[in-house]
Amino acid sequence: MAQVTPGIYEVQVDKNYCKACGLCVAWCPQDVLADDDEGYPFAPHLEKCINCKLCERHCPDFAIEIIAPSEVLVIEDILAEGA
């Protein structure tokens, strides 16, 4: 089973598509997301993100995206940890 490194992902929300329904916040098992003052999601606890993408999968408007770092960065991190 692959081990997931929390906190290496980026969360992008497109407010042009987001209707601030709160589904992404509700589905996040790590409590990464919260609502801002206008009700839009943001990631105050990004270090907890495990890239499960439940927020992406449950967004009816495709307004949120979890972006993993490039494969090169992941490989460099793994090699650096082993040194």
N, C-alpha and C. Protein backbone atom coordinates (compact mmCIF):
# COMPACT_ATOMS: atom_id res chain seq x y z
N MET A 1 0.85 -1.18 0.00
CA MET A 1 0.00 0.00 0.00
C MET A 1 0.89 1.24 0.00
N ALA A 2 0.59 2.17 -0.86
CA ALA A 2 1.39 3.39 -0.97
C ALA A 2 1.13 4.31 0.21
N GLN A 3 2.19 4.92 0.68
CA GLN A 3 2.07 5.87 1.77
C GLN A 3 1.86 7.27 1.19
N VAL A 4 0.92 8.01 1.78
CA VAL A 4 0.61 9.36 1.31
C VAL A 4 1.28 10.36 2.23
N THR A 5 1.94 11.34 1.64
CA THR A 5 2.58 12.40 2.43
C THR A 5 1.62 13.57 2.52
N PRO A 6 1.03 13.82 3.70
CA PRO A 6 0.12 14.95 3.83
C PRO A 6 0.84 16.28 3.66
N GLY A 7 0.10 17.27 3.20
CA GLY A 7 0.61 18.62 3.16
C GLY A 7 1.41 19.00 1.94
N ILE A 8 1.45 18.16 0.92
CA ILE A 8 2.22 18.51 -0.27
C ILE A 8 1.32 18.90 -1.44
N TYR A 9 0.03 18.98 -1.18
CA TYR A 9 -0.94 19.26 -2.23
C TYR A 9 -1.40 20.71 -2.20
N GLU A 10 -1.92 21.16 -3.32
CA GLU A 10 -2.45 22.52 -3.45
C GLU A 10 -3.94 22.42 -3.74
N VAL A 11 -4.73 23.30 -3.13
CA VAL A 11 -6.16 23.34 -3.37
C VAL A 11 -6.48 24.60 -4.16
N GLN A 12 -7.16 24.41 -5.28
CA GLN A 12 -7.57 25.56 -6.09
C GLN A 12 -9.09 25.57 -6.19
N VAL A 13 -9.68 26.73 -5.89
CA VAL A 13 -11.12 26.91 -6.00
C VAL A 13 -11.37 27.99 -7.03
N ASP A 14 -12.21 27.68 -8.01
CA ASP A 14 -12.59 28.65 -9.03
C ASP A 14 -13.92 29.28 -8.61
N LYS A 15 -13.85 30.49 -8.09
CA LYS A 15 -15.05 31.17 -7.60
C LYS A 15 -16.02 31.53 -8.72
N ASN A 16 -15.57 31.45 -9.96
CA ASN A 16 -16.48 31.68 -11.09
C ASN A 16 -17.46 30.52 -11.24
N TYR A 17 -17.07 29.34 -10.78
CA TYR A 17 -17.93 28.16 -10.86
C TYR A 17 -18.55 27.79 -9.51
N CYS A 18 -17.85 28.10 -8.43
CA CYS A 18 -18.30 27.71 -7.09
C CYS A 18 -19.55 28.49 -6.68
N LYS A 19 -20.53 27.77 -6.15
CA LYS A 19 -21.74 28.42 -5.65
C LYS A 19 -21.80 28.39 -4.12
N ALA A 20 -20.67 28.05 -3.49
CA ALA A 20 -20.55 28.05 -2.03
C ALA A 20 -21.60 27.14 -1.36
N CYS A 21 -21.77 25.94 -1.93
CA CYS A 21 -22.76 25.02 -1.38
C CYS A 21 -22.28 24.31 -0.12
N GLY A 22 -20.95 24.21 0.06
CA GLY A 22 -20.40 23.59 1.26
C GLY A 22 -20.19 22.09 1.18
N LEU A 23 -20.49 21.48 0.05
CA LEU A 23 -20.31 20.02 -0.06
C LEU A 23 -18.85 19.62 0.09
N CYS A 24 -17.94 20.37 -0.50
CA CYS A 24 -16.52 20.01 -0.40
C CYS A 24 -16.04 20.07 1.05
N VAL A 25 -16.49 21.07 1.77
CA VAL A 25 -16.12 21.21 3.18
C VAL A 25 -16.67 20.04 3.98
N ALA A 26 -17.91 19.68 3.72
CA ALA A 26 -18.56 18.60 4.45
C ALA A 26 -17.93 17.24 4.17
N TRP A 27 -17.47 17.00 2.95
CA TRP A 27 -16.93 15.70 2.58
C TRP A 27 -15.46 15.52 2.94
N CYS A 28 -14.75 16.57 3.28
CA CYS A 28 -13.32 16.45 3.58
C CYS A 28 -13.10 15.67 4.88
N PRO A 29 -12.49 14.47 4.81
CA PRO A 29 -12.31 13.67 6.01
C PRO A 29 -11.20 14.18 6.93
N GLN A 30 -10.37 15.07 6.44
CA GLN A 30 -9.25 15.57 7.23
C GLN A 30 -9.50 16.99 7.76
N ASP A 31 -10.67 17.54 7.50
CA ASP A 31 -11.00 18.92 7.92
C ASP A 31 -9.99 19.93 7.38
N VAL A 32 -9.60 19.74 6.15
CA VAL A 32 -8.67 20.66 5.48
C VAL A 32 -9.39 21.95 5.11
N LEU A 33 -10.63 21.81 4.67
CA LEU A 33 -11.39 22.94 4.14
C LEU A 33 -12.29 23.59 5.17
N ALA A 34 -12.55 24.86 4.96
CA ALA A 34 -13.50 25.63 5.77
C ALA A 34 -14.13 26.67 4.86
N ASP A 35 -15.19 27.29 5.34
CA ASP A 35 -15.84 28.36 4.58
C ASP A 35 -15.24 29.70 4.96
N ASP A 36 -15.02 30.57 3.95
CA ASP A 36 -14.55 31.92 4.25
C ASP A 36 -15.76 32.78 4.61
N ASP A 37 -15.57 34.07 4.78
CA ASP A 37 -16.65 34.97 5.19
C ASP A 37 -17.81 35.02 4.19
N GLU A 38 -17.52 34.71 2.92
CA GLU A 38 -18.55 34.72 1.89
C GLU A 38 -19.14 33.33 1.63
N GLY A 39 -18.64 32.32 2.36
CA GLY A 39 -19.14 30.96 2.21
C GLY A 39 -18.38 30.11 1.22
N TYR A 40 -17.33 30.67 0.62
CA TYR A 40 -16.52 29.91 -0.33
C TYR A 40 -15.47 29.08 0.42
N PRO A 41 -15.14 27.92 -0.10
CA PRO A 41 -14.15 27.07 0.57
C PRO A 41 -12.73 27.63 0.43
N PHE A 42 -11.96 27.44 1.48
CA PHE A 42 -10.52 27.70 1.44
C PHE A 42 -9.86 26.65 2.33
N ALA A 43 -8.55 26.58 2.29
CA ALA A 43 -7.84 25.48 2.96
C ALA A 43 -6.97 26.00 4.11
N PRO A 44 -7.55 26.25 5.28
CA PRO A 44 -6.74 26.71 6.40
C PRO A 44 -5.84 25.63 6.99
N HIS A 45 -6.14 24.38 6.67
CA HIS A 45 -5.35 23.26 7.21
C HIS A 45 -4.80 22.40 6.06
N LEU A 46 -4.18 23.06 5.10
CA LEU A 46 -3.65 22.38 3.92
C LEU A 46 -2.65 21.29 4.27
N GLU A 47 -1.97 21.45 5.39
CA GLU A 47 -0.96 20.46 5.79
C GLU A 47 -1.58 19.09 6.08
N LYS A 48 -2.91 19.03 6.24
CA LYS A 48 -3.59 17.76 6.51
C LYS A 48 -4.08 17.05 5.25
N CYS A 49 -4.01 17.71 4.10
CA CYS A 49 -4.56 17.16 2.86
C CYS A 49 -3.83 15.87 2.46
N ILE A 50 -4.60 14.81 2.20
CA ILE A 50 -4.02 13.52 1.81
C ILE A 50 -4.36 13.17 0.36
N ASN A 51 -4.89 14.11 -0.40
CA ASN A 51 -5.18 13.92 -1.82
C ASN A 51 -6.24 12.86 -2.07
N CYS A 52 -7.22 12.75 -1.18
CA CYS A 52 -8.29 11.76 -1.39
C CYS A 52 -9.26 12.22 -2.48
N LYS A 53 -9.29 13.53 -2.73
CA LYS A 53 -10.11 14.14 -3.77
C LYS A 53 -11.61 13.98 -3.57
N LEU A 54 -12.03 13.72 -2.34
CA LEU A 54 -13.47 13.64 -2.08
C LEU A 54 -14.13 14.99 -2.33
N CYS A 55 -13.43 16.06 -2.07
CA CYS A 55 -13.99 17.39 -2.34
C CYS A 55 -14.22 17.58 -3.84
N GLU A 56 -13.26 17.15 -4.64
CA GLU A 56 -13.40 17.23 -6.10
C GLU A 56 -14.56 16.37 -6.60
N ARG A 57 -14.63 15.17 -6.12
CA ARG A 57 -15.63 14.22 -6.60
C ARG A 57 -17.06 14.63 -6.26
N HIS A 58 -17.23 15.35 -5.16
CA HIS A 58 -18.58 15.72 -4.72
C HIS A 58 -18.98 17.14 -5.11
N CYS A 59 -18.09 17.85 -5.77
CA CYS A 59 -18.43 19.21 -6.21
C CYS A 59 -19.31 19.13 -7.46
N PRO A 60 -20.54 19.60 -7.36
CA PRO A 60 -21.43 19.51 -8.52
C PRO A 60 -21.06 20.47 -9.66
N ASP A 61 -20.19 21.43 -9.38
CA ASP A 61 -19.84 22.44 -10.37
C ASP A 61 -18.39 22.34 -10.85
N PHE A 62 -17.66 21.31 -10.41
CA PHE A 62 -16.26 21.11 -10.80
C PHE A 62 -15.43 22.37 -10.50
N ALA A 63 -15.68 22.97 -9.35
CA ALA A 63 -15.05 24.24 -8.99
C ALA A 63 -13.81 24.09 -8.13
N ILE A 64 -13.54 22.88 -7.64
CA ILE A 64 -12.39 22.69 -6.77
C ILE A 64 -11.48 21.62 -7.35
N GLU A 65 -10.20 21.84 -7.19
CA GLU A 65 -9.22 20.89 -7.73
C GLU A 65 -8.08 20.74 -6.73
N ILE A 66 -7.67 19.49 -6.52
CA ILE A 66 -6.51 19.19 -5.69
C ILE A 66 -5.36 18.90 -6.65
N ILE A 67 -4.28 19.62 -6.48
CA ILE A 67 -3.14 19.49 -7.38
C ILE A 67 -1.95 18.90 -6.63
N ALA A 68 -1.47 17.78 -7.14
CA ALA A 68 -0.30 17.14 -6.55
C ALA A 68 0.96 17.79 -7.12
N PRO A 69 2.04 17.78 -6.36
CA PRO A 69 3.29 18.31 -6.89
C PRO A 69 3.77 17.45 -8.05
N SER A 70 4.64 17.98 -8.85
CA SER A 70 5.13 17.21 -10.00
C SER A 70 5.85 15.96 -9.51
N GLU A 71 5.85 14.95 -10.35
CA GLU A 71 6.52 13.69 -10.01
C GLU A 71 8.00 13.91 -9.70
N VAL A 72 8.61 14.86 -10.36
CA VAL A 72 10.03 15.13 -10.13
C VAL A 72 10.25 15.57 -8.69
N LEU A 73 9.39 16.45 -8.19
CA LEU A 73 9.54 16.91 -6.81
C LEU A 73 9.34 15.78 -5.82
N VAL A 74 8.39 14.91 -6.07
CA VAL A 74 8.14 13.79 -5.18
C VAL A 74 9.36 12.87 -5.15
N ILE A 75 9.91 12.55 -6.29
CA ILE A 75 11.10 11.69 -6.35
C ILE A 75 12.28 12.34 -5.65
N GLU A 76 12.48 13.65 -5.86
CA GLU A 76 13.57 14.35 -5.19
C GLU A 76 13.41 14.33 -3.69
N ASP A 77 12.18 14.48 -3.20
CA ASP A 77 11.93 14.42 -1.75
C ASP A 77 12.23 13.04 -1.19
N ILE A 78 11.81 12.02 -1.90
CA ILE A 78 12.06 10.65 -1.45
C ILE A 78 13.55 10.37 -1.39
N LEU A 79 14.26 10.79 -2.41
CA LEU A 79 15.72 10.58 -2.44
C LEU A 79 16.40 11.37 -1.32
N ALA A 80 15.93 12.59 -1.06
CA ALA A 80 16.54 13.42 -0.01
C ALA A 80 16.31 12.81 1.37
N GLU A 81 15.14 12.20 1.58
CA GLU A 81 14.83 11.57 2.88
C GLU A 81 15.72 10.37 3.12
N GLY A 82 16.07 9.65 2.06
CA GLY A 82 16.88 8.45 2.19
C GLY A 82 18.36 8.73 2.39
N ALA A 83 18.79 9.94 2.11
CA ALA A 83 20.21 10.28 2.21
C ALA A 83 20.64 10.56 3.62
